[in-house]
C-alpha cells in the first residue's frame, strides 16, 4: 500500500498533489466519508492522465481482493448506466471519472491513511506502524442493483451480499425467524447513515440524510423507529448462539462476504477477530419483506463487527452495503495504542 500510494503521489504535478495529499492530523476530513453524490474531496480520476489513473487503480487494488476489485469497477461503470436511465439530466454527477483519491500523511510513515470515494464506493484504510490496518468503513453500493434481460441478471455486482443473507433467513425456523425479523418495514437507508463514529444509540432518521431520503425516514412511525433502533450494547435480532451448526455456517458465509472484500493477508486477522469476539454474540436482524425485489434491510451486529445493508430505493433495485468496526473505524483503537506508546 505504501509503495502504491507513494508511486501515485510522485506521478502528480503540484496542483494535483495539493488535492490528493492531505494532512493525517485532519481527523475531521479523514472521517468525512459518504456514499451519495456530493462535493467529494481529493483528486478525481477525471483530472488524471492514463498513467496516473493506472497508479490510482494500483492503490485501490492493494486494499481489495480480486472479487471486490471487480465489484468496484462494475459499480463505477454503472454511473454511465444510471446516467442513461435518468435521461442524462445529471451528467456532472453521474460520471465514472468522479471518484476521488486522497492520501493522508506520508505513505510509510508511522501513521498514514488513504481513501477512495465516490457515488457508491467509500474505501478507507488506516495504517499504523506499517502493519496494523483499519479497513473500515468499507462501503459498496449499486444503482441499479440488477440489470436484467428477461429473467436473467446481466449485471448484479452485490448479488452475494443479498443471496447469502437470504440463505440464512430461509434456513430459520418460525421461532428463529420471529426473533430475527425486527420490523415489517425496512428503513429507507442505513440507520447510522454515514456518521463519522458509531454512536451508543441511534434511531432511524436521526443521523440526517439527503432531503428525499429524510422524507422517507420521517414516514416511519414511532414504533417502527424504535423497532429499527441501533444500540451498540444491545444488538437486535437472532444471536449466533441460538443457531444450529448449518445456520452458523451460513452466518459465517455472510460475514465472509464482507471481510473477504480484503486481500487474504488482510482478511485473515479480521476473520480471527470476529471469531474471537463475536463467535456467539453476533446478531442477525432482518427488516422489511422477505420476497426478492421487495424492500428489505438487514444488520449484522457484534462487538467489533457491524454491517448494514439495505435495498429499498428505486423499486428495491438500489443496494447499499457497509462494513464498520464500532471501536476501530479509521484506526481509532490502533491510534490510541500508538499515541500511548509513542507519545
C-alpha atoms as a PDB file:
ATOM      1  CA  UNK A   1       0.000   0.000   0.000  1.00  0.00           C
ATOM      2  CA  UNK A   2       2.767   2.425   0.929  1.00  0.00           C
ATOM      3  CA  UNK A   3       4.614   1.746  -2.336  1.00  0.00           C
ATOM      4  CA  UNK A   4       1.422   2.157  -4.384  1.00  0.00           C
ATOM      5  CA  UNK A   5       0.445   5.390  -2.592  1.00  0.00           C
ATOM      6  CA  UNK A   6       3.956   6.848  -2.921  1.00  0.00           C
ATOM      7  CA  UNK A   7       4.123   5.995  -6.631  1.00  0.00           C
ATOM      8  CA  UNK A   8       0.733   7.613  -7.195  1.00  0.00           C
ATOM      9  CA  UNK A   9       1.676  10.839  -5.399  1.00  0.00           C
ATOM     10  CA  UNK A  10       5.053  11.006  -7.191  1.00  0.00           C
ATOM     11  CA  UNK A  11       3.311  10.922 -10.571  1.00  0.00           C
ATOM     12  CA  UNK A  12       1.205  14.017  -9.834  1.00  0.00           C
ATOM     13  CA  UNK A  13       2.046  17.633 -10.575  1.00  0.00           C
ATOM     14  CA  UNK A  14       1.946  20.218  -7.808  1.00  0.00           C
ATOM     15  CA  UNK A  15      -1.656  21.275  -8.379  1.00  0.00           C
ATOM     16  CA  UNK A  16      -2.860  17.664  -8.437  1.00  0.00           C
ATOM     17  CA  UNK A  17      -0.834  16.786  -5.350  1.00  0.00           C
ATOM     18  CA  UNK A  18      -2.379  19.700  -3.467  1.00  0.00           C
ATOM     19  CA  UNK A  19      -5.768  17.982  -3.904  1.00  0.00           C
ATOM     20  CA  UNK A  20      -4.653  14.413  -3.323  1.00  0.00           C
ATOM     21  CA  UNK A  21      -2.208  14.809  -0.401  1.00  0.00           C
ATOM     22  CA  UNK A  22      -3.948  15.768   2.837  1.00  0.00           C
ATOM     23  CA  UNK A  23      -2.665  16.006   6.432  1.00  0.00           C
ATOM     24  CA  UNK A  24      -3.148  12.929   8.569  1.00  0.00           C
ATOM     25  CA  UNK A  25      -3.812  15.147  11.574  1.00  0.00           C
ATOM     26  CA  UNK A  26      -7.028  16.447   9.961  1.00  0.00           C
ATOM     27  CA  UNK A  27      -9.228  13.864  11.649  1.00  0.00           C
ATOM     28  CA  UNK A  28     -12.463  15.585  10.640  1.00  0.00           C
ATOM     29  CA  UNK A  29     -11.535  15.203   6.981  1.00  0.00           C
ATOM     30  CA  UNK A  30     -10.356  11.603   7.401  1.00  0.00           C
ATOM     31  CA  UNK A  31     -13.710  10.727   8.948  1.00  0.00           C
ATOM     32  CA  UNK A  32     -15.682  12.684   6.341  1.00  0.00           C
ATOM     33  CA  UNK A  33     -16.977   9.715   4.373  1.00  0.00           C
ATOM     34  CA  UNK A  34     -20.076   9.416   2.204  1.00  0.00           C
ATOM     35  CA  UNK A  35     -21.636   7.231  -0.467  1.00  0.00           C
ATOM     36  CA  UNK A  36     -24.047   9.660  -2.140  1.00  0.00           C
ATOM     37  CA  UNK A  37     -23.335  12.379  -4.743  1.00  0.00           C
ATOM     38  CA  UNK A  38     -21.715  15.419  -3.175  1.00  0.00           C
ATOM     39  CA  UNK A  39     -18.617  17.611  -3.496  1.00  0.00           C
ATOM     40  CA  UNK A  40     -16.023  14.978  -2.622  1.00  0.00           C
ATOM     41  CA  UNK A  41     -12.515  15.978  -1.568  1.00  0.00           C
ATOM     42  CA  UNK A  42      -9.357  14.567  -3.140  1.00  0.00           C
ATOM     43  CA  UNK A  43      -8.191  14.223  -6.746  1.00  0.00           C
ATOM     44  CA  UNK A  44     -10.806  12.821  -9.144  1.00  0.00           C
ATOM     45  CA  UNK A  45      -9.986  10.265 -11.816  1.00  0.00           C
ATOM     46  CA  UNK A  46     -11.236  12.690 -14.471  1.00  0.00           C
ATOM     47  CA  UNK A  47      -8.324  15.038 -13.672  1.00  0.00           C
ATOM     48  CA  UNK A  48      -5.704  12.306 -14.128  1.00  0.00           C
ATOM     49  CA  UNK A  49      -3.930  11.154 -17.260  1.00  0.00           C
ATOM     50  CA  UNK A  50      -3.854   7.470 -18.232  1.00  0.00           C
ATOM     51  CA  UNK A  51      -0.680   6.686 -16.267  1.00  0.00           C
ATOM     52  CA  UNK A  52      -1.925   8.427 -13.138  1.00  0.00           C
ATOM     53  CA  UNK A  53      -5.243   6.565 -13.323  1.00  0.00           C
ATOM     54  CA  UNK A  54      -3.363   3.288 -13.615  1.00  0.00           C
ATOM     55  CA  UNK A  55      -1.377   4.136 -10.485  1.00  0.00           C
ATOM     56  CA  UNK A  56      -4.597   5.106  -8.681  1.00  0.00           C
ATOM     57  CA  UNK A  57      -6.045   1.710  -9.575  1.00  0.00           C
ATOM     58  CA  UNK A  58      -2.918   0.027  -8.239  1.00  0.00           C
ATOM     59  CA  UNK A  59      -3.594   1.699  -4.889  1.00  0.00           C
ATOM     60  CA  UNK A  60      -7.253   0.630  -4.936  1.00  0.00           C
ATOM     61  CA  UNK A  61      -6.370  -2.973  -5.760  1.00  0.00           C
ATOM     62  CA  UNK A  62      -3.795  -3.087  -2.939  1.00  0.00           C
ATOM     63  CA  UNK A  63      -6.665  -2.986  -0.447  1.00  0.00           C
ATOM     64  CA  UNK A  64      -9.123  -5.313  -2.195  1.00  0.00           C
ATOM     65  CA  UNK A  65      -9.454  -8.945  -3.133  1.00  0.00           C
ATOM     66  CA  UNK A  66      -9.796  -9.673  -6.838  1.00  0.00           C
ATOM     67  CA  UNK A  67     -13.522 -10.269  -6.302  1.00  0.00           C
ATOM     68  CA  UNK A  68     -14.030  -6.918  -4.557  1.00  0.00           C
ATOM     69  CA  UNK A  69     -11.866  -5.059  -7.086  1.00  0.00           C
ATOM     70  CA  UNK A  70     -14.139  -6.424  -9.819  1.00  0.00           C
ATOM     71  CA  UNK A  71     -17.185  -5.238  -7.850  1.00  0.00           C
ATOM     72  CA  UNK A  72     -15.751  -1.731  -7.517  1.00  0.00           C
ATOM     73  CA  UNK A  73     -15.072  -1.475 -11.241  1.00  0.00           C
ATOM     74  CA  UNK A  74     -18.589  -2.702 -12.044  1.00  0.00           C
ATOM     75  CA  UNK A  75     -20.078  -0.160  -9.618  1.00  0.00           C
ATOM     76  CA  UNK A  76     -18.091   2.679 -11.196  1.00  0.00           C
ATOM     77  CA  UNK A  77     -19.193   1.586 -14.671  1.00  0.00           C
ATOM     78  CA  UNK A  78     -22.839   1.712 -13.533  1.00  0.00           C
ATOM     79  CA  UNK A  79     -22.555   5.507 -13.337  1.00  0.00           C
ATOM     80  CA  UNK A  80     -22.940   5.619 -17.132  1.00  0.00           C
ATOM     81  CA  UNK A  81     -25.902   3.228 -16.970  1.00  0.00           C
ATOM     82  CA  UNK A  82     -27.583   5.350 -14.297  1.00  0.00           C
ATOM     83  CA  UNK A  83     -26.915   8.461 -16.370  1.00  0.00           C
ATOM     84  CA  UNK A  84     -28.734   6.817 -19.274  1.00  0.00           C
ATOM     85  CA  UNK A  85     -31.655   5.756 -17.037  1.00  0.00           C
ATOM     86  CA  UNK A  86     -32.020   9.296 -15.695  1.00  0.00           C
ATOM     87  CA  UNK A  87     -32.007  10.796 -19.191  1.00  0.00           C
ATOM     88  CA  UNK A  88     -28.541  12.298 -18.749  1.00  0.00           C
ATOM     89  CA  UNK A  89     -30.041  15.131 -16.704  1.00  0.00           C
ATOM     90  CA  UNK A  90     -27.367  14.835 -14.012  1.00  0.00           C
ATOM     91  CA  UNK A  91     -24.353  14.321 -16.243  1.00  0.00           C
ATOM     92  CA  UNK A  92     -21.989  16.155 -13.879  1.00  0.00           C
ATOM     93  CA  UNK A  93     -22.859  13.779 -11.050  1.00  0.00           C
ATOM     94  CA  UNK A  94     -23.215  10.511 -12.980  1.00  0.00           C
ATOM     95  CA  UNK A  95     -19.652  10.317 -14.215  1.00  0.00           C
ATOM     96  CA  UNK A  96     -17.227   7.352 -13.812  1.00  0.00           C
ATOM     97  CA  UNK A  97     -14.465   9.951 -13.512  1.00  0.00           C
ATOM     98  CA  UNK A  98     -15.922  11.419 -10.311  1.00  0.00           C
ATOM     99  CA  UNK A  99     -14.174   9.020  -7.966  1.00  0.00           C
ATOM    100  CA  UNK A 100     -11.657  10.739  -5.736  1.00  0.00           C
ATOM    101  CA  UNK A 101      -8.324   9.602  -4.294  1.00  0.00           C
ATOM    102  CA  UNK A 102      -6.902  11.048  -1.071  1.00  0.00           C
ATOM    103  CA  UNK A 103      -3.706  10.136   0.800  1.00  0.00           C
ATOM    104  CA  UNK A 104      -3.424  11.333   4.408  1.00  0.00           C
ATOM    105  CA  UNK A 105       0.127  11.832   5.639  1.00  0.00           C
ATOM    106  CA  UNK A 106       3.274  10.356   4.126  1.00  0.00           C
ATOM    107  CA  UNK A 107       2.968   6.770   2.866  1.00  0.00           C
ATOM    108  CA  UNK A 108       5.107   4.516   5.025  1.00  0.00           C
ATOM    109  CA  UNK A 109       5.196   6.901   7.988  1.00  0.00           C
ATOM    110  CA  UNK A 110       4.201   5.623  11.466  1.00  0.00           C
ATOM    111  CA  UNK A 111       0.575   6.616  10.847  1.00  0.00           C
ATOM    112  CA  UNK A 112      -0.990   7.376   7.485  1.00  0.00           C
ATOM    113  CA  UNK A 113      -4.190   6.623   5.602  1.00  0.00           C
ATOM    114  CA  UNK A 114      -5.842   6.643   2.210  1.00  0.00           C
ATOM    115  CA  UNK A 115      -9.352   6.916   0.845  1.00  0.00           C
ATOM    116  CA  UNK A 116     -11.025   6.274  -2.491  1.00  0.00           C
ATOM    117  CA  UNK A 117     -14.548   7.588  -2.644  1.00  0.00           C
ATOM    118  CA  UNK A 118     -17.386   8.493  -4.963  1.00  0.00           C
ATOM    119  CA  UNK A 119     -21.014   7.606  -5.560  1.00  0.00           C
ATOM    120  CA  UNK A 120     -21.494   4.107  -4.103  1.00  0.00           C
ATOM    121  CA  UNK A 121     -17.852   3.490  -3.189  1.00  0.00           C
ATOM    122  CA  UNK A 122     -16.083   4.506   0.016  1.00  0.00           C
ATOM    123  CA  UNK A 123     -12.857   2.692   0.876  1.00  0.00           C
ATOM    124  CA  UNK A 124     -10.991   3.867   3.977  1.00  0.00           C
ATOM    125  CA  UNK A 125      -7.687   2.380   5.148  1.00  0.00           C
ATOM    126  CA  UNK A 126      -5.608   3.487   8.122  1.00  0.00           C
ATOM    127  CA  UNK A 127      -2.083   2.102   8.555  1.00  0.00           C
ATOM    128  CA  UNK A 128      -0.212   2.303  11.859  1.00  0.00           C
ATOM    129  CA  UNK A 129       3.416   1.253  12.375  1.00  0.00           C
ATOM    130  CA  UNK A 130       3.484  -0.327   8.951  1.00  0.00           C
ATOM    131  CA  UNK A 131       1.449  -3.356   9.950  1.00  0.00           C
ATOM    132  CA  UNK A 132      -1.771  -2.560  11.789  1.00  0.00           C
ATOM    133  CA  UNK A 133      -4.515  -1.687   9.346  1.00  0.00           C
ATOM    134  CA  UNK A 134      -8.081  -0.474   9.795  1.00  0.00           C
ATOM    135  CA  UNK A 135     -10.098  -1.254   6.639  1.00  0.00           C
ATOM    136  CA  UNK A 136     -13.356   0.389   7.706  1.00  0.00           C
ATOM    137  CA  UNK A 137     -15.730   1.981   6.905  1.00  0.00           C
ATOM    138  CA  UNK A 138     -15.886  -0.175   3.781  1.00  0.00           C
ATOM    139  CA  UNK A 139     -18.894   0.709   1.644  1.00  0.00           C
ATOM    140  CA  UNK A 140     -20.102  -0.609  -1.702  1.00  0.00           C
ATOM    141  CA  UNK A 141     -23.438   0.149  -3.364  1.00  0.00           C
ATOM    142  CA  UNK A 142     -25.102  -0.316  -6.732  1.00  0.00           C
ATOM    143  CA  UNK A 143     -27.782   1.559  -8.662  1.00  0.00           C
ATOM    144  CA  UNK A 144     -29.276  -0.198 -10.456  1.00  0.00           C
ATOM    145  CA  UNK A 145     -28.601  -3.170  -8.225  1.00  0.00           C
ATOM    146  CA  UNK A 146     -29.561  -5.515 -11.030  1.00  0.00           C
ATOM    147  CA  UNK A 147     -29.502  -5.054 -14.789  1.00  0.00           C
ATOM    148  CA  UNK A 148     -31.599  -7.812 -16.302  1.00  0.00           C
ATOM    149  CA  UNK A 149     -32.576  -9.350 -19.597  1.00  0.00           C
ATOM    150  CA  UNK A 150     -35.867 -11.139 -19.167  1.00  0.00           C
ATOM    151  CA  UNK A 151     -35.499 -13.307 -16.091  1.00  0.00           C
ATOM    152  CA  UNK A 152     -31.701 -13.330 -16.261  1.00  0.00           C
ATOM    153  CA  UNK A 153     -29.413 -10.924 -14.422  1.00  0.00           C
ATOM    154  CA  UNK A 154     -26.871  -9.418 -16.817  1.00  0.00           C
ATOM    155  CA  UNK A 155     -25.087  -7.486 -14.061  1.00  0.00           C
ATOM    156  CA  UNK A 156     -25.527  -7.748 -10.271  1.00  0.00           C
ATOM    157  CA  UNK A 157     -22.378  -6.506  -8.511  1.00  0.00           C
ATOM    158  CA  UNK A 158     -23.647  -7.029  -4.953  1.00  0.00           C
ATOM    159  CA  UNK A 159     -25.631 -10.191  -5.540  1.00  0.00           C
ATOM    160  CA  UNK A 160     -23.836 -12.270  -2.909  1.00  0.00           C
ATOM    161  CA  UNK A 161     -24.478  -9.626  -0.241  1.00  0.00           C
ATOM    162  CA  UNK A 162     -28.187 -10.304  -0.757  1.00  0.00           C
ATOM    163  CA  UNK A 163     -28.157 -14.011  -1.596  1.00  0.00           C
ATOM    164  CA  UNK A 164     -26.116 -15.119   1.425  1.00  0.00           C
ATOM    165  CA  UNK A 165     -28.428 -13.184   3.750  1.00  0.00           C
ATOM    166  CA  UNK A 166     -31.487 -14.781   2.126  1.00  0.00           C
ATOM    167  CA  UNK A 167     -29.939 -18.238   2.507  1.00  0.00           C
ATOM    168  CA  UNK A 168     -29.593 -17.582   6.233  1.00  0.00           C
ATOM    169  CA  UNK A 169     -33.099 -16.122   6.563  1.00  0.00           C
ATOM    170  CA  UNK A 170     -34.644 -19.056   4.690  1.00  0.00           C
ATOM    171  CA  UNK A 171     -32.860 -21.547   6.959  1.00  0.00           C
ATOM    172  CA  UNK A 172     -34.523 -20.226  10.130  1.00  0.00           C
ATOM    173  CA  UNK A 173     -37.491 -21.955  11.708  1.00  0.00           C
ATOM    174  CA  UNK A 174     -40.608 -19.997  12.649  1.00  0.00           C
ATOM    175  CA  UNK A 175     -39.447 -19.009  16.138  1.00  0.00           C
ATOM    176  CA  UNK A 176     -35.955 -18.052  14.964  1.00  0.00           C
ATOM    177  CA  UNK A 177     -37.382 -16.012  12.109  1.00  0.00           C
ATOM    178  CA  UNK A 178     -39.645 -14.160  14.519  1.00  0.00           C
ATOM    179  CA  UNK A 179     -36.591 -13.199  16.593  1.00  0.00           C
ATOM    180  CA  UNK A 180     -34.565 -12.202  13.543  1.00  0.00           C
ATOM    181  CA  UNK A 181     -37.308 -10.036  11.987  1.00  0.00           C
ATOM    182  CA  UNK A 182     -37.217  -6.773  13.904  1.00  0.00           C
ATOM    183  CA  UNK A 183     -39.695  -4.777  11.783  1.00  0.00           C
ATOM    184  CA  UNK A 184     -42.046  -5.449   8.908  1.00  0.00           C
ATOM    185  CA  UNK A 185     -40.923  -2.200   7.258  1.00  0.00           C
ATOM    186  CA  UNK A 186     -37.388  -1.608   6.047  1.00  0.00           C
ATOM    187  CA  UNK A 187     -35.738   1.764   6.687  1.00  0.00           C
ATOM    188  CA  UNK A 188     -35.083   3.801   3.518  1.00  0.00           C
ATOM    189  CA  UNK A 189     -31.320   3.763   4.181  1.00  0.00           C
ATOM    190  CA  UNK A 190     -28.835   2.840   6.909  1.00  0.00           C
ATOM    191  CA  UNK A 191     -29.929   3.656  10.425  1.00  0.00           C
ATOM    192  CA  UNK A 192     -26.448   5.108  11.035  1.00  0.00           C
ATOM    193  CA  UNK A 193     -26.132   6.661   7.564  1.00  0.00           C
ATOM    194  CA  UNK A 194     -22.534   7.955   7.220  1.00  0.00           C
ATOM    195  CA  UNK A 195     -21.928   9.030  10.813  1.00  0.00           C
ATOM    196  CA  UNK A 196     -18.177   9.522  11.369  1.00  0.00           C
ATOM    197  CA  UNK A 197     -18.341   7.446  14.566  1.00  0.00           C
ATOM    198  CA  UNK A 198     -20.626   4.599  15.579  1.00  0.00           C
ATOM    199  CA  UNK A 199     -22.799   6.010  18.384  1.00  0.00           C
ATOM    200  CA  UNK A 200     -24.052   4.295  21.516  1.00  0.00           C
ATOM    201  CA  UNK A 201     -27.636   4.551  20.252  1.00  0.00           C
ATOM    202  CA  UNK A 202     -29.467   5.923  17.223  1.00  0.00           C
ATOM    203  CA  UNK A 203     -32.960   5.889  15.790  1.00  0.00           C
ATOM    204  CA  UNK A 204     -33.536   5.783  12.029  1.00  0.00           C
ATOM    205  CA  UNK A 205     -33.506   9.298  10.591  1.00  0.00           C
ATOM    206  CA  UNK A 206     -31.566  10.845  13.486  1.00  0.00           C
ATOM    207  CA  UNK A 207     -28.248  10.800  11.604  1.00  0.00           C
ATOM    208  CA  UNK A 208     -29.591  13.054   8.855  1.00  0.00           C
ATOM    209  CA  UNK A 209     -29.908  12.251   5.157  1.00  0.00           C
ATOM    210  CA  UNK A 210     -30.449  13.847   1.786  1.00  0.00           C
ATOM    211  CA  UNK A 211     -33.877  15.554   1.781  1.00  0.00           C
ATOM    212  CA  UNK A 212     -35.538  12.959  -0.443  1.00  0.00           C
ATOM    213  CA  UNK A 213     -34.385  10.138   1.881  1.00  0.00           C
ATOM    214  CA  UNK A 214     -35.127  12.103   5.046  1.00  0.00           C
ATOM    215  CA  UNK A 215     -38.721  12.435   3.870  1.00  0.00           C
ATOM    216  CA  UNK A 216     -38.941   8.628   3.812  1.00  0.00           C
ATOM    217  CA  UNK A 217     -37.396   8.341   7.271  1.00  0.00           C
ATOM    218  CA  UNK A 218     -39.990  10.822   8.529  1.00  0.00           C
ATOM    219  CA  UNK A 219     -42.789   8.497   7.370  1.00  0.00           C
ATOM    220  CA  UNK A 220     -41.762   5.823   9.878  1.00  0.00           C
ATOM    221  CA  UNK A 221     -43.997   5.562  12.925  1.00  0.00           C
ATOM    222  CA  UNK A 222     -42.605   5.887  16.433  1.00  0.00           C
ATOM    223  CA  UNK A 223     -42.956   2.142  16.981  1.00  0.00           C
ATOM    224  CA  UNK A 224     -41.177   1.373  13.706  1.00  0.00           C
ATOM    225  CA  UNK A 225     -38.327   3.716  14.637  1.00  0.00           C
ATOM    226  CA  UNK A 226     -37.932   2.004  17.984  1.00  0.00           C
ATOM    227  CA  UNK A 227     -38.056  -1.443  16.376  1.00  0.00           C
ATOM    228  CA  UNK A 228     -35.266  -0.451  13.969  1.00  0.00           C
ATOM    229  CA  UNK A 229     -33.133   1.332  16.567  1.00  0.00           C
ATOM    230  CA  UNK A 230     -29.409   0.762  16.892  1.00  0.00           C
ATOM    231  CA  UNK A 231     -27.925   0.199  20.343  1.00  0.00           C
ATOM    232  CA  UNK A 232     -24.276  -0.682  20.467  1.00  0.00           C
ATOM    233  CA  UNK A 233     -24.572  -2.742  23.656  1.00  0.00           C
ATOM    234  CA  UNK A 234     -27.958  -4.323  22.881  1.00  0.00           C
ATOM    235  CA  UNK A 235     -27.925  -5.920  19.407  1.00  0.00           C
ATOM    236  CA  UNK A 236     -31.280  -6.724  17.859  1.00  0.00           C
ATOM    237  CA  UNK A 237     -32.244  -9.905  16.057  1.00  0.00           C
ATOM    238  CA  UNK A 238     -31.211 -13.533  16.376  1.00  0.00           C
ATOM    239  CA  UNK A 239     -27.930 -14.352  18.142  1.00  0.00           C
ATOM    240  CA  UNK A 240     -25.466 -16.819  16.639  1.00  0.00           C
ATOM    241  CA  UNK A 241     -25.697 -18.791  19.888  1.00  0.00           C
ATOM    242  CA  UNK A 242     -29.332 -19.604  19.020  1.00  0.00           C
ATOM    243  CA  UNK A 243     -28.463 -21.036  15.589  1.00  0.00           C
ATOM    244  CA  UNK A 244     -27.695 -24.661  14.725  1.00  0.00           C
ATOM    245  CA  UNK A 245     -24.476 -25.739  13.017  1.00  0.00           C
ATOM    246  CA  UNK A 246     -25.838 -25.328   9.477  1.00  0.00           C
ATOM    247  CA  UNK A 247     -27.171 -21.871  10.258  1.00  0.00           C
ATOM    248  CA  UNK A 248     -23.879 -20.879  11.891  1.00  0.00           C
ATOM    249  CA  UNK A 249     -22.114 -21.892   8.669  1.00  0.00           C
ATOM    250  CA  UNK A 250     -24.500 -19.711   6.653  1.00  0.00           C
ATOM    251  CA  UNK A 251     -23.895 -16.818   9.056  1.00  0.00           C
ATOM    252  CA  UNK A 252     -20.143 -17.304   8.654  1.00  0.00           C
ATOM    253  CA  UNK A 253     -20.529 -17.279   4.869  1.00  0.00           C
ATOM    254  CA  UNK A 254     -22.365 -13.951   5.095  1.00  0.00           C
ATOM    255  CA  UNK A 255     -19.695 -12.464   7.357  1.00  0.00           C
ATOM    256  CA  UNK A 256     -17.008 -13.588   4.913  1.00  0.00           C
ATOM    257  CA  UNK A 257     -18.759 -11.792   2.043  1.00  0.00           C
ATOM    258  CA  UNK A 258     -17.750  -8.551   3.749  1.00  0.00           C
ATOM    259  CA  UNK A 259     -14.405  -9.484   5.305  1.00  0.00           C
ATOM    260  CA  UNK A 260     -13.226 -11.070   2.072  1.00  0.00           C
ATOM    261  CA  UNK A 261     -13.563  -7.781   0.290  1.00  0.00           C
ATOM    262  CA  UNK A 262      -9.981  -7.570   1.562  1.00  0.00           C
ATOM    263  CA  UNK A 263      -6.960  -9.475   0.229  1.00  0.00           C
ATOM    264  CA  UNK A 264      -6.428 -12.692   2.162  1.00  0.00           C
ATOM    265  CA  UNK A 265      -3.481 -11.383   4.214  1.00  0.00           C
ATOM    266  CA  UNK A 266      -5.686  -8.538   5.471  1.00  0.00           C
ATOM    267  CA  UNK A 267      -8.874 -10.600   5.729  1.00  0.00           C
ATOM    268  CA  UNK A 268      -7.338 -13.310   7.919  1.00  0.00           C
ATOM    269  CA  UNK A 269      -6.828 -11.186  11.076  1.00  0.00           C
ATOM    270  CA  UNK A 270     -10.311  -9.746  10.641  1.00  0.00           C
ATOM    271  CA  UNK A 271     -11.780 -13.259  10.485  1.00  0.00           C
ATOM    272  CA  UNK A 272      -9.860 -14.252  13.604  1.00  0.00           C
ATOM    273  CA  UNK A 273     -11.090 -11.179  15.459  1.00  0.00           C
ATOM    274  CA  UNK A 274     -14.732 -11.852  14.594  1.00  0.00           C
ATOM    275  CA  UNK A 275     -14.315 -15.492  15.614  1.00  0.00           C
ATOM    276  CA  UNK A 276     -12.712 -14.407  18.875  1.00  0.00           C
ATOM    277  CA  UNK A 277     -15.025 -11.591  19.964  1.00  0.00           C
ATOM    278  CA  UNK A 278     -18.319 -12.323  18.225  1.00  0.00           C
ATOM    279  CA  UNK A 279     -18.491 -16.071  17.719  1.00  0.00           C
ATOM    280  CA  UNK A 280     -21.662 -16.468  19.812  1.00  0.00           C
ATOM    281  CA  UNK A 281     -22.766 -12.876  20.282  1.00  0.00           C
ATOM    282  CA  UNK A 282     -23.079 -11.824  16.633  1.00  0.00           C
ATOM    283  CA  UNK A 283     -26.722 -10.993  15.843  1.00  0.00           C
ATOM    284  CA  UNK A 284     -28.576 -11.192  12.527  1.00  0.00           C
ATOM    285  CA  UNK A 285     -31.547  -8.844  12.124  1.00  0.00           C
ATOM    286  CA  UNK A 286     -33.908  -8.521   9.141  1.00  0.00           C
ATOM    287  CA  UNK A 287     -36.490  -5.831   8.348  1.00  0.00           C
ATOM    288  CA  UNK A 288     -38.952  -5.419   5.520  1.00  0.00           C
ATOM    289  CA  UNK A 289     -40.278  -8.005   3.104  1.00  0.00           C
ATOM    290  CA  UNK A 290     -38.844 -11.463   2.528  1.00  0.00           C
ATOM    291  CA  UNK A 291     -39.545 -11.770  -1.200  1.00  0.00           C
ATOM    292  CA  UNK A 292     -36.841 -10.806  -3.730  1.00  0.00           C
ATOM    293  CA  UNK A 293     -37.208  -7.435  -5.425  1.00  0.00           C
ATOM    294  CA  UNK A 294     -39.150  -6.070  -2.467  1.00  0.00           C
ATOM    295  CA  UNK A 295     -37.810  -3.515   0.068  1.00  0.00           C
ATOM    296  CA  UNK A 296     -35.599  -5.184   2.661  1.00  0.00           C
ATOM    297  CA  UNK A 297     -32.796  -4.471   5.123  1.00  0.00           C
ATOM    298  CA  UNK A 298     -30.509  -6.492   7.342  1.00  0.00           C
ATOM    299  CA  UNK A 299     -27.928  -5.884  10.043  1.00  0.00           C
ATOM    300  CA  UNK A 300     -25.063  -7.948  11.418  1.00  0.00           C
ATOM    301  CA  UNK A 301     -24.104  -6.644  14.838  1.00  0.00           C
ATOM    302  CA  UNK A 302     -21.255  -7.747  17.067  1.00  0.00           C
ATOM    303  CA  UNK A 303     -18.799  -6.038  19.381  1.00  0.00           C
ATOM    304  CA  UNK A 304     -16.252  -5.330  16.639  1.00  0.00           C
ATOM    305  CA  UNK A 305     -18.222  -6.178  13.502  1.00  0.00           C
ATOM    306  CA  UNK A 306     -21.163  -4.205  12.147  1.00  0.00           C
ATOM    307  CA  UNK A 307     -22.867  -4.484   8.768  1.00  0.00           C
ATOM    308  CA  UNK A 308     -25.840  -2.538   7.482  1.00  0.00           C
ATOM    309  CA  UNK A 309     -27.430  -3.489   4.164  1.00  0.00           C
ATOM    310  CA  UNK A 310     -30.497  -2.007   2.513  1.00  0.00           C
ATOM    311  CA  UNK A 311     -32.290  -2.398  -0.786  1.00  0.00           C
ATOM    312  CA  UNK A 312     -35.333  -0.151  -0.634  1.00  0.00           C
ATOM    313  CA  UNK A 313     -34.904   2.730  -3.047  1.00  0.00           C
ATOM    314  CA  UNK A 314     -35.849   2.888  -6.756  1.00  0.00           C
ATOM    315  CA  UNK A 315     -38.258  -0.020  -6.581  1.00  0.00           C
ATOM    316  CA  UNK A 316     -35.910  -2.108  -4.423  1.00  0.00           C
ATOM    317  CA  UNK A 317     -33.262  -2.038  -7.141  1.00  0.00           C
ATOM    318  CA  UNK A 318     -30.697   0.127  -5.337  1.00  0.00           C
ATOM    319  CA  UNK A 319     -28.341  -1.569  -2.856  1.00  0.00           C
ATOM    320  CA  UNK A 320     -26.174  -0.119  -0.080  1.00  0.00           C
ATOM    321  CA  UNK A 321     -23.869  -2.384   1.953  1.00  0.00           C
ATOM    322  CA  UNK A 322     -21.355  -1.152   4.536  1.00  0.00           C
ATOM    323  CA  UNK A 323     -18.985  -2.900   6.943  1.00  0.00           C
ATOM    324  CA  UNK A 324     -17.900  -0.962  10.029  1.00  0.00           C
ATOM    325  CA  UNK A 325     -15.951  -1.569  13.242  1.00  0.00           C
ATOM    326  CA  UNK A 326     -17.695   0.203  16.152  1.00  0.00           C
ATOM    327  CA  UNK A 327     -14.414   0.625  18.032  1.00  0.00           C
ATOM    328  CA  UNK A 328     -11.926   0.751  15.184  1.00  0.00           C
ATOM    329  CA  UNK A 329     -13.237   2.761  12.224  1.00  0.00           C
ATOM    330  CA  UNK A 330     -10.444   4.916  10.798  1.00  0.00           C
ATOM    331  CA  UNK A 331      -7.974   3.098  13.036  1.00  0.00           C
ATOM    332  CA  UNK A 332      -9.270   4.700  16.212  1.00  0.00           C
ATOM    333  CA  UNK A 333      -8.260   1.842  18.508  1.00  0.00           C
ATOM    334  CA  UNK A 334      -4.887   1.427  16.801  1.00  0.00           C
ATOM    335  CA  UNK A 335      -4.133   5.129  17.002  1.00  0.00           C
ATOM    336  CA  UNK A 336      -4.958   5.229  20.715  1.00  0.00           C
ATOM    337  CA  UNK A 337      -2.421   2.459  21.325  1.00  0.00           C
ATOM    338  CA  UNK A 338       0.150   4.137  19.058  1.00  0.00           C
ATOM    339  CA  UNK A 339      -0.205   7.505  20.811  1.00  0.00           C
ATOM    340  CA  UNK A 340       0.029   5.898  24.238  1.00  0.00           C
ATOM    341  CA  UNK A 341       3.199   4.086  23.231  1.00  0.00           C
ATOM    342  CA  UNK A 342       4.951   6.828  21.220  1.00  0.00           C
ATOM    343  CA  UNK A 343       3.825   9.984  22.982  1.00  0.00           C
END
